[in-house]
């Protein structure tokens, strides 16, 4: 999993990666990653955050507050609980092509076997962020 936090100008603020040896569906993985990012934002004291996901299924499940007994919906319910306590957290759908920084961080997580926090831009996304800022 990989997540990148940016300010309103798109400048890098922080990043996280974590390699997990879990057997999750694509939707479960997207939901689990979003939950981890929300928990990280909350622990950093970020009060107003727009989270972006390229999973329309996840965004719709959150928006409609879908209930159920599946692992995916269990994670979605945890996300909804975080959002109830952090009222200025919102989740927005974006196309996968626009989400390359997070996907690059997630791929880089395969090189490490633990949780990583980045306060400086990791080299694996430096060029991507630089190009987006121009």
N, C-alpha and C. Protein backbone atom coordinates (compact mmCIF):
# COMPACT_ATOMS: atom_id res chain seq x y z
N UNK A 1 0.85 -1.17 0.00
CA UNK A 1 0.00 0.00 0.00
C UNK A 1 0.88 1.22 0.00
N UNK A 2 0.39 2.26 -0.63
CA UNK A 2 1.12 3.51 -0.67
C UNK A 2 0.15 4.67 -0.64
N UNK A 3 0.53 5.73 0.07
CA UNK A 3 -0.29 6.93 0.14
C UNK A 3 0.62 8.14 0.19
N UNK A 4 0.16 9.21 -0.42
CA UNK A 4 0.91 10.46 -0.47
C UNK A 4 0.01 11.58 0.00
N UNK A 5 0.50 12.37 0.93
CA UNK A 5 -0.25 13.52 1.42
C UNK A 5 0.34 14.78 0.82
N UNK A 6 -0.54 15.63 0.28
CA UNK A 6 -0.11 16.89 -0.32
C UNK A 6 -0.96 18.03 0.22
N UNK A 7 -0.40 19.24 0.12
CA UNK A 7 -1.18 20.40 0.55
C UNK A 7 -2.06 20.88 -0.61
N UNK A 8 -2.75 21.99 -0.40
CA UNK A 8 -3.67 22.51 -1.43
C UNK A 8 -2.97 22.88 -2.72
N UNK A 9 -1.67 23.15 -2.65
CA UNK A 9 -0.90 23.50 -3.86
C UNK A 9 -0.32 22.27 -4.55
N UNK A 10 -0.56 21.09 -3.99
CA UNK A 10 -0.04 19.87 -4.58
C UNK A 10 1.36 19.51 -4.13
N UNK A 11 1.90 20.27 -3.19
CA UNK A 11 3.26 20.01 -2.70
C UNK A 11 3.25 18.83 -1.72
N UNK A 12 4.30 18.02 -1.79
CA UNK A 12 4.44 16.84 -0.94
C UNK A 12 4.52 17.25 0.53
N UNK A 13 3.74 16.59 1.37
CA UNK A 13 3.80 16.82 2.81
C UNK A 13 4.33 15.58 3.53
N UNK A 14 3.88 14.40 3.09
CA UNK A 14 4.30 13.15 3.73
C UNK A 14 3.86 11.99 2.86
N UNK A 15 4.44 10.85 3.11
CA UNK A 15 4.04 9.63 2.41
C UNK A 15 4.16 8.44 3.32
N UNK A 16 3.42 7.39 3.01
CA UNK A 16 3.53 6.14 3.76
C UNK A 16 3.48 4.97 2.79
N UNK A 17 4.16 3.92 3.16
CA UNK A 17 4.07 2.66 2.42
C UNK A 17 4.04 1.54 3.45
N UNK A 18 3.44 0.45 3.07
CA UNK A 18 3.46 -0.74 3.92
C UNK A 18 3.26 -1.96 3.05
N UNK A 19 4.12 -2.92 3.25
CA UNK A 19 3.99 -4.20 2.56
C UNK A 19 3.23 -5.12 3.49
N UNK A 20 2.17 -5.74 3.00
CA UNK A 20 1.35 -6.67 3.79
C UNK A 20 1.24 -7.99 3.06
N UNK A 21 1.41 -9.04 3.78
CA UNK A 21 1.22 -10.37 3.19
C UNK A 21 -0.18 -10.85 3.55
N UNK A 22 -1.17 -10.12 3.06
CA UNK A 22 -2.56 -10.47 3.29
C UNK A 22 -3.16 -10.93 1.97
N UNK A 23 -4.13 -11.80 2.07
CA UNK A 23 -4.87 -12.20 0.88
C UNK A 23 -6.14 -11.38 0.84
N UNK A 24 -6.10 -10.30 0.06
CA UNK A 24 -7.24 -9.40 -0.06
C UNK A 24 -7.66 -9.29 -1.52
N UNK A 25 -8.93 -9.11 -1.73
CA UNK A 25 -9.40 -8.80 -3.08
C UNK A 25 -8.92 -7.39 -3.42
N UNK A 26 -9.04 -7.02 -4.68
CA UNK A 26 -8.66 -5.67 -5.09
C UNK A 26 -9.45 -4.63 -4.31
N UNK A 27 -10.75 -4.83 -4.18
CA UNK A 27 -11.60 -3.87 -3.46
C UNK A 27 -11.22 -3.81 -1.98
N UNK A 28 -10.96 -4.97 -1.37
CA UNK A 28 -10.55 -4.99 0.04
C UNK A 28 -9.22 -4.26 0.22
N UNK A 29 -8.30 -4.48 -0.70
CA UNK A 29 -7.00 -3.81 -0.63
C UNK A 29 -7.13 -2.30 -0.76
N UNK A 30 -7.98 -1.85 -1.66
CA UNK A 30 -8.22 -0.42 -1.81
C UNK A 30 -8.82 0.16 -0.54
N UNK A 31 -9.79 -0.54 0.03
CA UNK A 31 -10.44 -0.07 1.26
C UNK A 31 -9.46 -0.07 2.43
N UNK A 32 -8.66 -1.12 2.56
CA UNK A 32 -7.68 -1.22 3.65
C UNK A 32 -6.66 -0.09 3.54
N UNK A 33 -6.21 0.20 2.33
CA UNK A 33 -5.25 1.28 2.11
C UNK A 33 -5.85 2.62 2.50
N UNK A 34 -7.09 2.87 2.09
CA UNK A 34 -7.75 4.12 2.46
C UNK A 34 -7.88 4.24 3.97
N UNK A 35 -8.25 3.17 4.63
CA UNK A 35 -8.37 3.19 6.10
C UNK A 35 -7.03 3.51 6.74
N UNK A 36 -5.95 2.92 6.25
CA UNK A 36 -4.62 3.20 6.80
C UNK A 36 -4.24 4.66 6.58
N UNK A 37 -4.55 5.19 5.39
CA UNK A 37 -4.25 6.59 5.09
C UNK A 37 -5.05 7.53 6.00
N UNK A 38 -6.30 7.19 6.24
CA UNK A 38 -7.13 8.01 7.13
C UNK A 38 -6.58 8.00 8.55
N UNK A 39 -6.20 6.82 9.01
CA UNK A 39 -5.63 6.72 10.36
C UNK A 39 -4.32 7.51 10.47
N UNK A 40 -3.51 7.48 9.42
CA UNK A 40 -2.27 8.25 9.41
C UNK A 40 -2.56 9.75 9.42
N UNK A 41 -3.51 10.19 8.61
CA UNK A 41 -3.87 11.60 8.58
C UNK A 41 -4.39 12.06 9.94
N UNK A 42 -5.20 11.22 10.54
CA UNK A 42 -5.76 11.54 11.86
C UNK A 42 -4.65 11.64 12.90
N UNK A 43 -3.71 10.69 12.87
CA UNK A 43 -2.62 10.70 13.86
C UNK A 43 -1.68 11.89 13.65
N UNK A 44 -1.58 12.40 12.43
CA UNK A 44 -0.75 13.57 12.14
C UNK A 44 -1.48 14.88 12.47
N UNK A 45 -2.75 14.77 12.82
CA UNK A 45 -3.51 15.96 13.15
C UNK A 45 -4.05 16.71 11.95
N UNK A 46 -4.06 16.06 10.78
CA UNK A 46 -4.65 16.70 9.59
C UNK A 46 -6.15 16.76 9.81
N UNK A 47 -6.71 17.94 9.68
CA UNK A 47 -8.13 18.10 9.98
C UNK A 47 -9.03 18.10 8.76
N UNK A 48 -8.54 18.59 7.65
CA UNK A 48 -9.35 18.68 6.44
C UNK A 48 -8.58 17.99 5.32
N UNK A 49 -9.06 16.81 4.93
CA UNK A 49 -8.33 16.01 3.95
C UNK A 49 -9.29 15.48 2.89
N UNK A 50 -8.88 15.63 1.65
CA UNK A 50 -9.63 15.03 0.54
C UNK A 50 -8.83 13.80 0.11
N UNK A 51 -9.38 12.63 0.35
CA UNK A 51 -8.75 11.37 -0.05
C UNK A 51 -9.23 11.03 -1.44
N UNK A 52 -8.30 10.57 -2.27
CA UNK A 52 -8.65 10.22 -3.65
C UNK A 52 -8.42 8.74 -3.86
N UNK A 53 -9.38 8.10 -4.49
CA UNK A 53 -9.29 6.67 -4.78
C UNK A 53 -9.72 6.43 -6.22
N UNK A 54 -9.05 5.48 -6.86
CA UNK A 54 -9.46 5.14 -8.23
C UNK A 54 -10.39 3.93 -8.24
N UNK A 55 -10.94 3.60 -7.07
CA UNK A 55 -11.92 2.52 -6.97
C UNK A 55 -13.33 3.10 -6.84
N UNK A 56 -14.06 3.07 -7.95
CA UNK A 56 -15.44 3.57 -7.93
C UNK A 56 -16.30 2.74 -6.98
N UNK A 57 -16.04 1.45 -6.91
CA UNK A 57 -16.79 0.55 -6.01
C UNK A 57 -16.63 1.01 -4.56
N UNK A 58 -15.40 1.33 -4.18
CA UNK A 58 -15.13 1.78 -2.81
C UNK A 58 -15.80 3.12 -2.54
N UNK A 59 -15.62 4.07 -3.42
CA UNK A 59 -16.18 5.40 -3.22
C UNK A 59 -17.71 5.32 -3.13
N UNK A 60 -18.33 4.53 -3.99
CA UNK A 60 -19.79 4.37 -3.94
C UNK A 60 -20.24 3.71 -2.65
N UNK A 61 -19.50 2.71 -2.18
CA UNK A 61 -19.87 2.02 -0.94
C UNK A 61 -19.81 2.97 0.25
N UNK A 62 -18.81 3.85 0.26
CA UNK A 62 -18.69 4.84 1.34
C UNK A 62 -19.82 5.86 1.23
N UNK A 63 -20.03 6.36 0.04
CA UNK A 63 -21.04 7.40 -0.18
C UNK A 63 -22.44 6.91 0.20
N UNK A 64 -22.76 5.65 -0.12
CA UNK A 64 -24.10 5.12 0.17
C UNK A 64 -24.19 4.45 1.54
N UNK A 65 -23.04 4.43 2.26
CA UNK A 65 -22.98 3.79 3.58
C UNK A 65 -23.48 2.36 3.53
N UNK A 66 -23.00 1.65 2.51
CA UNK A 66 -23.42 0.27 2.28
C UNK A 66 -23.09 -0.62 3.47
N UNK A 67 -23.98 -1.47 3.86
CA UNK A 67 -23.80 -2.39 4.99
C UNK A 67 -23.75 -3.82 4.49
N UNK A 68 -23.12 -4.67 5.26
CA UNK A 68 -23.06 -6.08 4.90
C UNK A 68 -22.03 -6.80 5.75
N UNK A 69 -21.90 -8.09 5.51
CA UNK A 69 -21.01 -8.93 6.33
C UNK A 69 -19.70 -9.29 5.65
N UNK A 70 -19.47 -8.78 4.46
CA UNK A 70 -18.23 -9.13 3.76
C UNK A 70 -17.04 -8.40 4.39
N UNK A 71 -15.85 -8.89 4.13
CA UNK A 71 -14.63 -8.24 4.62
C UNK A 71 -14.54 -6.82 4.06
N UNK A 72 -14.85 -6.66 2.78
CA UNK A 72 -14.82 -5.35 2.14
C UNK A 72 -15.74 -4.37 2.89
N UNK A 73 -16.99 -4.76 3.13
CA UNK A 73 -17.94 -3.86 3.78
C UNK A 73 -17.59 -3.63 5.25
N UNK A 74 -16.92 -4.58 5.87
CA UNK A 74 -16.44 -4.38 7.23
C UNK A 74 -15.40 -3.26 7.27
N UNK A 75 -14.49 -3.25 6.30
CA UNK A 75 -13.49 -2.17 6.22
C UNK A 75 -14.17 -0.86 5.87
N UNK A 76 -15.13 -0.89 4.95
CA UNK A 76 -15.87 0.32 4.59
C UNK A 76 -16.55 0.90 5.82
N UNK A 77 -17.12 0.06 6.66
CA UNK A 77 -17.77 0.55 7.88
C UNK A 77 -16.77 1.20 8.82
N UNK A 78 -15.55 0.68 8.90
CA UNK A 78 -14.50 1.31 9.71
C UNK A 78 -14.14 2.68 9.13
N UNK A 79 -14.08 2.78 7.81
CA UNK A 79 -13.80 4.06 7.15
C UNK A 79 -14.89 5.07 7.49
N UNK A 80 -16.14 4.63 7.43
CA UNK A 80 -17.27 5.52 7.73
C UNK A 80 -17.19 6.01 9.17
N UNK A 81 -16.80 5.14 10.10
CA UNK A 81 -16.64 5.55 11.50
C UNK A 81 -15.56 6.61 11.65
N UNK A 82 -14.44 6.44 10.95
CA UNK A 82 -13.38 7.46 11.00
C UNK A 82 -13.92 8.77 10.45
N UNK A 83 -14.66 8.70 9.35
CA UNK A 83 -15.20 9.92 8.75
C UNK A 83 -16.23 10.61 9.65
N UNK A 84 -16.93 9.85 10.47
CA UNK A 84 -17.87 10.45 11.42
C UNK A 84 -17.13 11.24 12.50
N UNK A 85 -15.95 10.77 12.86
CA UNK A 85 -15.17 11.47 13.89
C UNK A 85 -14.29 12.57 13.29
N UNK A 86 -14.07 12.53 12.01
CA UNK A 86 -13.27 13.54 11.30
C UNK A 86 -14.15 14.11 10.19
N UNK A 87 -15.00 15.04 10.55
CA UNK A 87 -16.06 15.48 9.63
C UNK A 87 -15.53 16.19 8.38
N UNK A 88 -14.29 16.62 8.39
CA UNK A 88 -13.72 17.28 7.21
C UNK A 88 -12.86 16.34 6.37
N UNK A 89 -13.04 15.05 6.56
CA UNK A 89 -12.43 14.05 5.67
C UNK A 89 -13.46 13.74 4.60
N UNK A 90 -13.04 13.73 3.34
CA UNK A 90 -13.95 13.34 2.27
C UNK A 90 -13.21 12.41 1.32
N UNK A 91 -13.97 11.60 0.60
CA UNK A 91 -13.40 10.65 -0.35
C UNK A 91 -13.95 10.98 -1.73
N UNK A 92 -13.05 11.03 -2.69
CA UNK A 92 -13.39 11.43 -4.05
C UNK A 92 -12.85 10.38 -5.02
N UNK A 93 -13.62 10.09 -6.05
CA UNK A 93 -13.16 9.18 -7.10
C UNK A 93 -12.29 9.94 -8.09
N UNK A 94 -11.16 9.33 -8.48
CA UNK A 94 -10.32 9.86 -9.55
C UNK A 94 -9.94 8.71 -10.47
N UNK A 95 -9.60 9.03 -11.70
CA UNK A 95 -9.18 7.99 -12.65
C UNK A 95 -7.82 7.44 -12.25
N UNK A 96 -7.57 6.20 -12.55
CA UNK A 96 -6.31 5.53 -12.19
C UNK A 96 -5.10 6.27 -12.75
N UNK A 97 -5.24 6.82 -13.96
CA UNK A 97 -4.12 7.51 -14.60
C UNK A 97 -3.66 8.72 -13.78
N UNK A 98 -4.54 9.28 -12.99
CA UNK A 98 -4.22 10.47 -12.19
C UNK A 98 -3.65 10.06 -10.83
N UNK A 99 -3.66 8.79 -10.54
CA UNK A 99 -3.26 8.28 -9.23
C UNK A 99 -1.89 7.60 -9.27
N UNK A 100 -1.03 8.02 -10.18
CA UNK A 100 0.25 7.32 -10.39
C UNK A 100 1.20 7.43 -9.22
N UNK A 101 1.17 8.52 -8.47
CA UNK A 101 2.08 8.66 -7.32
C UNK A 101 1.78 7.59 -6.28
N UNK A 102 0.52 7.42 -5.92
CA UNK A 102 0.16 6.41 -4.92
C UNK A 102 0.48 5.00 -5.41
N UNK A 103 0.22 4.74 -6.69
CA UNK A 103 0.52 3.41 -7.22
C UNK A 103 2.02 3.14 -7.27
N UNK A 104 2.80 4.15 -7.57
CA UNK A 104 4.26 3.99 -7.57
C UNK A 104 4.76 3.72 -6.16
N UNK A 105 4.22 4.43 -5.18
CA UNK A 105 4.60 4.16 -3.79
C UNK A 105 4.21 2.74 -3.38
N UNK A 106 3.03 2.31 -3.80
CA UNK A 106 2.58 0.95 -3.46
C UNK A 106 3.51 -0.09 -4.07
N UNK A 107 3.93 0.11 -5.31
CA UNK A 107 4.87 -0.82 -5.94
C UNK A 107 6.21 -0.80 -5.21
N UNK A 108 6.65 0.38 -4.77
CA UNK A 108 7.92 0.50 -4.05
C UNK A 108 7.86 -0.21 -2.70
N UNK A 109 6.67 -0.30 -2.12
CA UNK A 109 6.51 -0.98 -0.82
C UNK A 109 6.94 -2.44 -0.90
N UNK A 110 6.88 -3.03 -2.10
CA UNK A 110 7.32 -4.42 -2.26
C UNK A 110 8.81 -4.59 -1.98
N UNK A 111 9.58 -3.49 -2.04
CA UNK A 111 11.02 -3.55 -1.78
C UNK A 111 11.34 -3.53 -0.29
N UNK A 112 10.39 -3.10 0.51
CA UNK A 112 10.59 -3.01 1.96
C UNK A 112 9.64 -3.98 2.64
N UNK A 113 10.01 -4.44 3.82
CA UNK A 113 9.17 -5.43 4.51
C UNK A 113 8.49 -4.85 5.75
N UNK A 114 8.35 -3.55 5.80
CA UNK A 114 7.71 -2.96 6.97
C UNK A 114 7.03 -1.65 6.59
N UNK A 115 6.45 -1.02 7.59
CA UNK A 115 5.79 0.27 7.43
C UNK A 115 6.85 1.36 7.31
N UNK A 116 6.68 2.26 6.34
CA UNK A 116 7.61 3.38 6.18
C UNK A 116 6.83 4.70 6.15
N UNK A 117 7.36 5.69 6.85
CA UNK A 117 6.85 7.05 6.78
C UNK A 117 7.91 7.90 6.09
N UNK A 118 7.46 8.77 5.22
CA UNK A 118 8.38 9.65 4.50
C UNK A 118 8.02 11.10 4.79
N UNK A 119 8.99 11.85 5.24
CA UNK A 119 8.81 13.29 5.45
C UNK A 119 9.40 14.06 4.27
N UNK A 120 10.29 13.41 3.56
CA UNK A 120 10.90 13.97 2.34
C UNK A 120 10.40 13.12 1.17
N UNK A 121 10.41 13.70 -0.02
CA UNK A 121 9.91 12.98 -1.19
C UNK A 121 10.82 11.79 -1.49
N UNK A 122 10.29 10.57 -1.49
CA UNK A 122 11.10 9.41 -1.85
C UNK A 122 11.52 9.49 -3.33
N UNK A 123 12.69 9.00 -3.63
CA UNK A 123 13.21 9.12 -5.00
C UNK A 123 12.29 8.46 -6.03
N UNK A 124 11.55 7.42 -5.63
CA UNK A 124 10.70 6.72 -6.59
C UNK A 124 9.55 7.57 -7.13
N UNK A 125 9.18 8.65 -6.43
CA UNK A 125 8.08 9.50 -6.90
C UNK A 125 8.53 10.93 -7.16
N UNK A 126 9.79 11.21 -6.96
CA UNK A 126 10.29 12.59 -7.09
C UNK A 126 9.98 13.18 -8.47
N UNK A 127 10.28 12.44 -9.53
CA UNK A 127 10.04 12.92 -10.89
C UNK A 127 8.55 13.10 -11.18
N UNK A 128 7.73 12.16 -10.70
CA UNK A 128 6.27 12.26 -10.90
C UNK A 128 5.72 13.53 -10.28
N UNK A 129 6.12 13.79 -9.05
CA UNK A 129 5.62 14.98 -8.35
C UNK A 129 6.15 16.25 -9.01
N UNK A 130 7.41 16.23 -9.38
CA UNK A 130 8.01 17.38 -10.06
C UNK A 130 7.25 17.70 -11.36
N UNK A 131 6.95 16.67 -12.14
CA UNK A 131 6.22 16.85 -13.40
C UNK A 131 4.80 17.39 -13.14
N UNK A 132 4.14 16.89 -12.10
CA UNK A 132 2.78 17.34 -11.80
C UNK A 132 2.75 18.78 -11.31
N UNK A 133 3.84 19.23 -10.70
CA UNK A 133 3.88 20.59 -10.14
C UNK A 133 4.13 21.64 -11.23
N UNK A 134 4.56 21.20 -12.42
CA UNK A 134 4.88 22.16 -13.49
C UNK A 134 3.65 22.54 -14.27
